[in-house]
């Protein structure tokens, strides 16, 4: 298992556990790549985790969670660099929004149908 921190240019730098642990706890704001709350209450969060368990260089991850529960519904994607993680975050947000839109459209059609009914 390898430990990494981010330098000022958001590049991952290999360090020992002690340095990683200190940096990790002191730099929560610097680890956040993206945090987006969607209309349906889902939250898409992409962060620098700084631990490479697989030894393949995946140091960033995106999670989707329910706002009410604040628990992850699943790891969606892992990335090797900040730039790719940022792109991935935005792509997941857009794809999730597209899935929400059809539900909203269907609901609007149902509501409109009842608005025109003379009850």
N, C-alpha and C. Protein backbone atom coordinates (compact mmCIF):
# COMPACT_ATOMS: atom_id res chain seq x y z
N UNK A 1 0.84 -1.16 0.00
CA UNK A 1 0.00 0.00 0.00
C UNK A 1 0.90 1.24 0.00
N UNK A 2 0.55 2.21 -0.85
CA UNK A 2 1.34 3.44 -0.97
C UNK A 2 0.50 4.63 -0.56
N UNK A 3 1.18 5.66 -0.01
CA UNK A 3 0.50 6.86 0.48
C UNK A 3 0.99 8.08 -0.30
N UNK A 4 0.03 8.97 -0.62
CA UNK A 4 0.33 10.16 -1.42
C UNK A 4 -0.33 11.39 -0.82
N UNK A 5 0.29 12.54 -1.06
CA UNK A 5 -0.31 13.83 -0.76
C UNK A 5 -0.31 14.64 -2.06
N UNK A 6 -0.97 15.78 -2.06
CA UNK A 6 -0.98 16.64 -3.23
C UNK A 6 -0.03 17.81 -3.05
N UNK A 7 0.71 18.15 -4.11
CA UNK A 7 1.54 19.34 -4.06
C UNK A 7 0.69 20.55 -4.46
N UNK A 8 1.31 21.73 -4.56
CA UNK A 8 0.57 22.96 -4.87
C UNK A 8 -0.06 22.95 -6.26
N UNK A 9 0.43 22.08 -7.15
CA UNK A 9 -0.12 21.99 -8.51
C UNK A 9 -1.09 20.81 -8.65
N UNK A 10 -1.48 20.25 -7.52
CA UNK A 10 -2.43 19.13 -7.45
C UNK A 10 -1.88 17.83 -8.05
N UNK A 11 -0.58 17.68 -8.01
CA UNK A 11 0.07 16.43 -8.43
C UNK A 11 0.28 15.56 -7.20
N UNK A 12 0.11 14.25 -7.36
CA UNK A 12 0.31 13.32 -6.26
C UNK A 12 1.80 13.10 -6.01
N UNK A 13 2.17 13.12 -4.72
CA UNK A 13 3.56 12.94 -4.31
C UNK A 13 3.60 11.78 -3.31
N UNK A 14 4.43 10.78 -3.58
CA UNK A 14 4.58 9.62 -2.71
C UNK A 14 5.25 10.03 -1.41
N UNK A 15 4.64 9.63 -0.26
CA UNK A 15 5.19 9.94 1.06
C UNK A 15 4.99 8.74 1.98
N UNK A 16 5.53 8.82 3.16
CA UNK A 16 5.34 7.78 4.16
C UNK A 16 4.00 7.96 4.87
N UNK A 17 3.63 6.94 5.64
CA UNK A 17 2.34 6.96 6.31
C UNK A 17 2.18 8.15 7.26
N UNK A 18 3.19 8.44 8.05
CA UNK A 18 3.10 9.52 9.04
C UNK A 18 2.83 10.87 8.37
N UNK A 19 3.59 11.17 7.31
CA UNK A 19 3.38 12.45 6.60
C UNK A 19 2.01 12.48 5.94
N UNK A 20 1.59 11.36 5.33
CA UNK A 20 0.28 11.28 4.71
C UNK A 20 -0.81 11.53 5.74
N UNK A 21 -0.72 10.89 6.88
CA UNK A 21 -1.73 11.00 7.93
C UNK A 21 -1.89 12.45 8.40
N UNK A 22 -0.77 13.12 8.63
CA UNK A 22 -0.81 14.52 9.06
C UNK A 22 -1.39 15.41 7.97
N UNK A 23 -0.90 15.25 6.75
CA UNK A 23 -1.38 16.08 5.63
C UNK A 23 -2.86 15.84 5.40
N UNK A 24 -3.27 14.58 5.45
CA UNK A 24 -4.66 14.21 5.19
C UNK A 24 -5.61 14.89 6.18
N UNK A 25 -5.26 14.87 7.45
CA UNK A 25 -6.14 15.47 8.46
C UNK A 25 -6.11 17.00 8.44
N UNK A 26 -5.02 17.59 7.95
CA UNK A 26 -4.90 19.06 7.92
C UNK A 26 -5.37 19.69 6.61
N UNK A 27 -5.70 18.91 5.60
CA UNK A 27 -5.99 19.46 4.27
C UNK A 27 -7.29 18.95 3.66
N UNK A 28 -8.31 18.84 4.47
CA UNK A 28 -9.59 18.33 3.99
C UNK A 28 -10.11 19.15 2.80
N UNK A 29 -9.99 20.46 2.87
CA UNK A 29 -10.48 21.32 1.80
C UNK A 29 -9.69 21.15 0.50
N UNK A 30 -8.43 20.81 0.59
CA UNK A 30 -7.59 20.64 -0.61
C UNK A 30 -7.81 19.30 -1.30
N UNK A 31 -8.50 18.37 -0.64
CA UNK A 31 -8.75 17.04 -1.19
C UNK A 31 -10.01 16.97 -2.02
N UNK A 32 -10.89 17.97 -1.93
CA UNK A 32 -12.18 17.95 -2.61
C UNK A 32 -12.04 18.39 -4.07
N UNK A 33 -12.30 17.49 -4.96
CA UNK A 33 -12.26 17.78 -6.40
C UNK A 33 -13.60 18.37 -6.82
N UNK A 34 -14.69 17.77 -6.36
CA UNK A 34 -16.02 18.25 -6.70
C UNK A 34 -17.05 17.75 -5.72
N UNK A 35 -18.05 18.61 -5.46
CA UNK A 35 -19.16 18.24 -4.58
C UNK A 35 -20.42 18.87 -5.17
N UNK A 36 -21.35 18.04 -5.66
CA UNK A 36 -22.54 18.52 -6.33
C UNK A 36 -23.77 17.87 -5.74
N UNK A 37 -24.74 18.70 -5.31
CA UNK A 37 -26.02 18.20 -4.83
C UNK A 37 -27.03 18.38 -5.96
N UNK A 38 -27.67 17.29 -6.35
CA UNK A 38 -28.64 17.30 -7.44
C UNK A 38 -30.05 17.56 -6.93
N UNK A 39 -30.95 17.88 -7.83
CA UNK A 39 -32.33 18.23 -7.47
C UNK A 39 -33.04 17.14 -6.68
N UNK A 40 -32.74 15.90 -6.96
CA UNK A 40 -33.42 14.81 -6.27
C UNK A 40 -32.80 14.47 -4.92
N UNK A 41 -31.81 15.26 -4.50
CA UNK A 41 -31.17 15.05 -3.21
C UNK A 41 -29.93 14.18 -3.25
N UNK A 42 -29.61 13.63 -4.41
CA UNK A 42 -28.39 12.83 -4.52
C UNK A 42 -27.18 13.75 -4.48
N UNK A 43 -26.11 13.27 -3.90
CA UNK A 43 -24.87 14.03 -3.79
C UNK A 43 -23.77 13.27 -4.51
N UNK A 44 -23.08 13.98 -5.42
CA UNK A 44 -21.94 13.41 -6.13
C UNK A 44 -20.70 14.07 -5.53
N UNK A 45 -19.80 13.26 -5.00
CA UNK A 45 -18.60 13.76 -4.35
C UNK A 45 -17.36 13.08 -4.94
N UNK A 46 -16.39 13.90 -5.34
CA UNK A 46 -15.14 13.37 -5.86
C UNK A 46 -14.01 13.93 -5.01
N UNK A 47 -13.16 13.04 -4.48
CA UNK A 47 -12.09 13.45 -3.57
C UNK A 47 -10.79 12.71 -3.87
N UNK A 48 -9.72 13.31 -3.40
CA UNK A 48 -8.40 12.68 -3.40
C UNK A 48 -8.32 11.82 -2.15
N UNK A 49 -8.12 10.50 -2.30
CA UNK A 49 -8.03 9.62 -1.14
C UNK A 49 -6.59 9.41 -0.69
N UNK A 50 -5.65 9.51 -1.60
CA UNK A 50 -4.25 9.46 -1.25
C UNK A 50 -3.69 8.11 -0.85
N UNK A 51 -4.48 7.07 -1.02
CA UNK A 51 -4.01 5.71 -0.72
C UNK A 51 -4.18 4.87 -1.98
N UNK A 52 -3.11 4.22 -2.36
CA UNK A 52 -3.16 3.35 -3.53
C UNK A 52 -3.11 1.90 -3.06
N UNK A 53 -4.27 1.35 -2.81
CA UNK A 53 -4.36 -0.03 -2.31
C UNK A 53 -3.96 -1.03 -3.38
N UNK A 54 -4.36 -0.76 -4.62
CA UNK A 54 -4.13 -1.70 -5.71
C UNK A 54 -2.74 -1.59 -6.34
N UNK A 55 -1.99 -0.55 -5.97
CA UNK A 55 -0.68 -0.27 -6.57
C UNK A 55 -0.80 0.02 -8.07
N UNK A 56 -1.98 0.51 -8.50
CA UNK A 56 -2.19 0.87 -9.89
C UNK A 56 -2.29 2.38 -10.09
N UNK A 57 -2.18 3.15 -9.01
CA UNK A 57 -2.17 4.61 -9.12
C UNK A 57 -3.51 5.30 -9.05
N UNK A 58 -4.57 4.60 -8.63
CA UNK A 58 -5.88 5.22 -8.52
C UNK A 58 -6.00 5.91 -7.16
N UNK A 59 -5.90 7.24 -7.17
CA UNK A 59 -5.83 8.01 -5.92
C UNK A 59 -7.04 8.91 -5.68
N UNK A 60 -7.96 8.95 -6.62
CA UNK A 60 -9.16 9.77 -6.52
C UNK A 60 -10.38 8.87 -6.71
N UNK A 61 -11.51 9.24 -6.06
CA UNK A 61 -12.71 8.45 -6.27
C UNK A 61 -13.95 9.33 -6.20
N UNK A 62 -14.96 8.89 -6.94
CA UNK A 62 -16.26 9.55 -6.95
C UNK A 62 -17.27 8.64 -6.27
N UNK A 63 -18.07 9.23 -5.38
CA UNK A 63 -19.13 8.51 -4.68
C UNK A 63 -20.45 9.21 -4.94
N UNK A 64 -21.52 8.45 -5.00
CA UNK A 64 -22.86 9.02 -5.04
C UNK A 64 -23.55 8.58 -3.76
N UNK A 65 -24.20 9.53 -3.08
CA UNK A 65 -24.91 9.19 -1.86
C UNK A 65 -26.24 9.91 -1.81
N UNK A 66 -27.13 9.40 -0.98
CA UNK A 66 -28.42 10.04 -0.76
C UNK A 66 -28.23 11.11 0.29
N UNK A 67 -28.74 12.30 0.02
CA UNK A 67 -28.56 13.42 0.94
C UNK A 67 -29.13 13.12 2.32
N UNK A 68 -30.29 12.49 2.35
CA UNK A 68 -30.94 12.21 3.63
C UNK A 68 -30.12 11.25 4.49
N UNK A 69 -29.53 10.27 3.86
CA UNK A 69 -28.82 9.23 4.59
C UNK A 69 -27.36 9.57 4.85
N UNK A 70 -26.78 10.38 3.97
CA UNK A 70 -25.36 10.74 4.06
C UNK A 70 -24.45 9.52 4.09
N UNK A 71 -24.89 8.46 3.44
CA UNK A 71 -24.07 7.26 3.33
C UNK A 71 -23.84 6.98 1.85
N UNK A 72 -22.66 6.53 1.50
CA UNK A 72 -22.39 6.26 0.08
C UNK A 72 -23.26 5.14 -0.47
N UNK A 73 -23.85 5.40 -1.64
CA UNK A 73 -24.60 4.35 -2.33
C UNK A 73 -23.66 3.49 -3.17
N UNK A 74 -22.45 3.98 -3.42
CA UNK A 74 -21.50 3.18 -4.17
C UNK A 74 -20.38 4.02 -4.74
N UNK A 75 -19.20 3.40 -4.88
CA UNK A 75 -18.09 4.06 -5.56
C UNK A 75 -18.38 3.94 -7.04
N UNK A 76 -18.40 5.06 -7.70
CA UNK A 76 -18.75 5.07 -9.11
C UNK A 76 -17.50 4.91 -9.98
N UNK A 77 -16.45 5.64 -9.64
CA UNK A 77 -15.27 5.62 -10.51
C UNK A 77 -14.03 6.00 -9.69
N UNK A 78 -12.90 5.51 -10.15
CA UNK A 78 -11.61 5.88 -9.56
C UNK A 78 -10.72 6.45 -10.65
N UNK A 79 -9.85 7.36 -10.26
CA UNK A 79 -9.02 8.09 -11.23
C UNK A 79 -7.58 8.19 -10.73
N UNK A 80 -6.67 8.48 -11.67
CA UNK A 80 -5.26 8.59 -11.34
C UNK A 80 -4.78 10.03 -11.15
N UNK A 81 -5.46 11.01 -11.77
CA UNK A 81 -5.01 12.40 -11.67
C UNK A 81 -6.18 13.31 -11.32
N UNK A 82 -5.85 14.51 -10.80
CA UNK A 82 -6.86 15.51 -10.46
C UNK A 82 -7.67 15.89 -11.69
N UNK A 83 -7.00 16.16 -12.80
CA UNK A 83 -7.69 16.60 -14.03
C UNK A 83 -8.69 15.55 -14.51
N UNK A 84 -8.29 14.30 -14.51
CA UNK A 84 -9.19 13.24 -14.96
C UNK A 84 -10.33 13.06 -13.95
N UNK A 85 -10.04 13.21 -12.67
CA UNK A 85 -11.08 13.11 -11.63
C UNK A 85 -12.11 14.23 -11.80
N UNK A 86 -11.65 15.42 -12.12
CA UNK A 86 -12.54 16.56 -12.34
C UNK A 86 -13.46 16.30 -13.54
N UNK A 87 -12.89 15.81 -14.63
CA UNK A 87 -13.67 15.46 -15.81
C UNK A 87 -14.68 14.36 -15.49
N UNK A 88 -14.23 13.36 -14.77
CA UNK A 88 -15.11 12.25 -14.40
C UNK A 88 -16.26 12.70 -13.52
N UNK A 89 -15.96 13.58 -12.56
CA UNK A 89 -17.00 14.12 -11.68
C UNK A 89 -18.08 14.81 -12.50
N UNK A 90 -17.65 15.70 -13.39
CA UNK A 90 -18.60 16.45 -14.22
C UNK A 90 -19.43 15.53 -15.11
N UNK A 91 -18.81 14.51 -15.64
CA UNK A 91 -19.51 13.55 -16.51
C UNK A 91 -20.57 12.78 -15.72
N UNK A 92 -20.22 12.33 -14.52
CA UNK A 92 -21.17 11.60 -13.69
C UNK A 92 -22.34 12.50 -13.29
N UNK A 93 -22.06 13.76 -12.96
CA UNK A 93 -23.12 14.71 -12.62
C UNK A 93 -24.07 14.87 -13.80
N UNK A 94 -23.53 15.08 -14.99
CA UNK A 94 -24.38 15.26 -16.18
C UNK A 94 -25.18 14.01 -16.49
N UNK A 95 -24.57 12.85 -16.40
CA UNK A 95 -25.29 11.59 -16.65
C UNK A 95 -26.40 11.38 -15.63
N UNK A 96 -26.14 11.71 -14.39
CA UNK A 96 -27.14 11.55 -13.33
C UNK A 96 -28.29 12.54 -13.55
N UNK A 97 -27.97 13.76 -13.96
CA UNK A 97 -29.02 14.75 -14.25
C UNK A 97 -29.92 14.26 -15.37
N UNK A 98 -29.35 13.65 -16.39
CA UNK A 98 -30.14 13.14 -17.51
C UNK A 98 -31.10 12.05 -17.06
N UNK A 99 -30.70 11.27 -16.07
CA UNK A 99 -31.59 10.24 -15.55
C UNK A 99 -32.71 10.85 -14.72
N UNK A 100 -32.45 11.97 -14.08
CA UNK A 100 -33.46 12.65 -13.26
C UNK A 100 -34.51 13.32 -14.16
N UNK A 101 -34.07 13.94 -15.25
CA UNK A 101 -34.97 14.69 -16.14
C UNK A 101 -36.16 13.87 -16.64
N UNK A 102 -35.98 12.65 -17.15
CA UNK A 102 -37.14 11.89 -17.62
C UNK A 102 -38.18 11.67 -16.51
N UNK A 103 -37.73 11.47 -15.29
CA UNK A 103 -38.65 11.29 -14.17
C UNK A 103 -39.46 12.56 -13.95
N UNK A 104 -38.79 13.72 -13.99
CA UNK A 104 -39.48 14.99 -13.79
C UNK A 104 -40.47 15.25 -14.93
N UNK A 105 -40.09 14.95 -16.15
CA UNK A 105 -40.95 15.15 -17.31
C UNK A 105 -42.20 14.29 -17.20
N UNK A 106 -42.03 13.03 -16.83
CA UNK A 106 -43.16 12.11 -16.69
C UNK A 106 -44.10 12.61 -15.60
N UNK A 107 -43.57 13.07 -14.49
CA UNK A 107 -44.38 13.59 -13.40
C UNK A 107 -45.15 14.83 -13.85
N UNK A 108 -44.50 15.72 -14.60
CA UNK A 108 -45.18 16.92 -15.10
C UNK A 108 -46.35 16.55 -16.01
N UNK A 109 -46.17 15.52 -16.85
CA UNK A 109 -47.24 15.08 -17.74
C UNK A 109 -48.42 14.56 -16.93
N UNK A 110 -48.15 13.82 -15.89
CA UNK A 110 -49.21 13.28 -15.04
C UNK A 110 -49.94 14.43 -14.35
N UNK A 111 -49.20 15.38 -13.80
CA UNK A 111 -49.80 16.54 -13.12
C UNK A 111 -50.64 17.34 -14.11
N UNK A 112 -50.11 17.61 -15.30
CA UNK A 112 -50.85 18.38 -16.30
C UNK A 112 -52.14 17.67 -16.70
N UNK A 113 -52.12 16.37 -16.78
CA UNK A 113 -53.31 15.62 -17.16
C UNK A 113 -54.41 15.83 -16.12
N UNK A 114 -54.03 15.85 -14.84
CA UNK A 114 -55.02 16.04 -13.79
C UNK A 114 -55.48 17.48 -13.68
N UNK A 115 -54.64 18.44 -14.05
CA UNK A 115 -55.03 19.86 -14.01
C UNK A 115 -56.16 20.14 -14.99
N UNK A 116 -56.20 19.41 -16.10
CA UNK A 116 -57.21 19.66 -17.11
C UNK A 116 -58.48 18.83 -16.91
N UNK A 117 -58.45 17.97 -15.93
CA UNK A 117 -59.64 17.17 -15.65
C UNK A 117 -60.60 17.99 -14.81
N UNK A 118 -61.86 17.90 -15.10
CA UNK A 118 -62.87 18.63 -14.35
C UNK A 118 -63.41 17.68 -13.27
N UNK A 119 -62.89 17.84 -12.08
CA UNK A 119 -63.30 16.91 -11.01
C UNK A 119 -64.51 17.43 -10.28
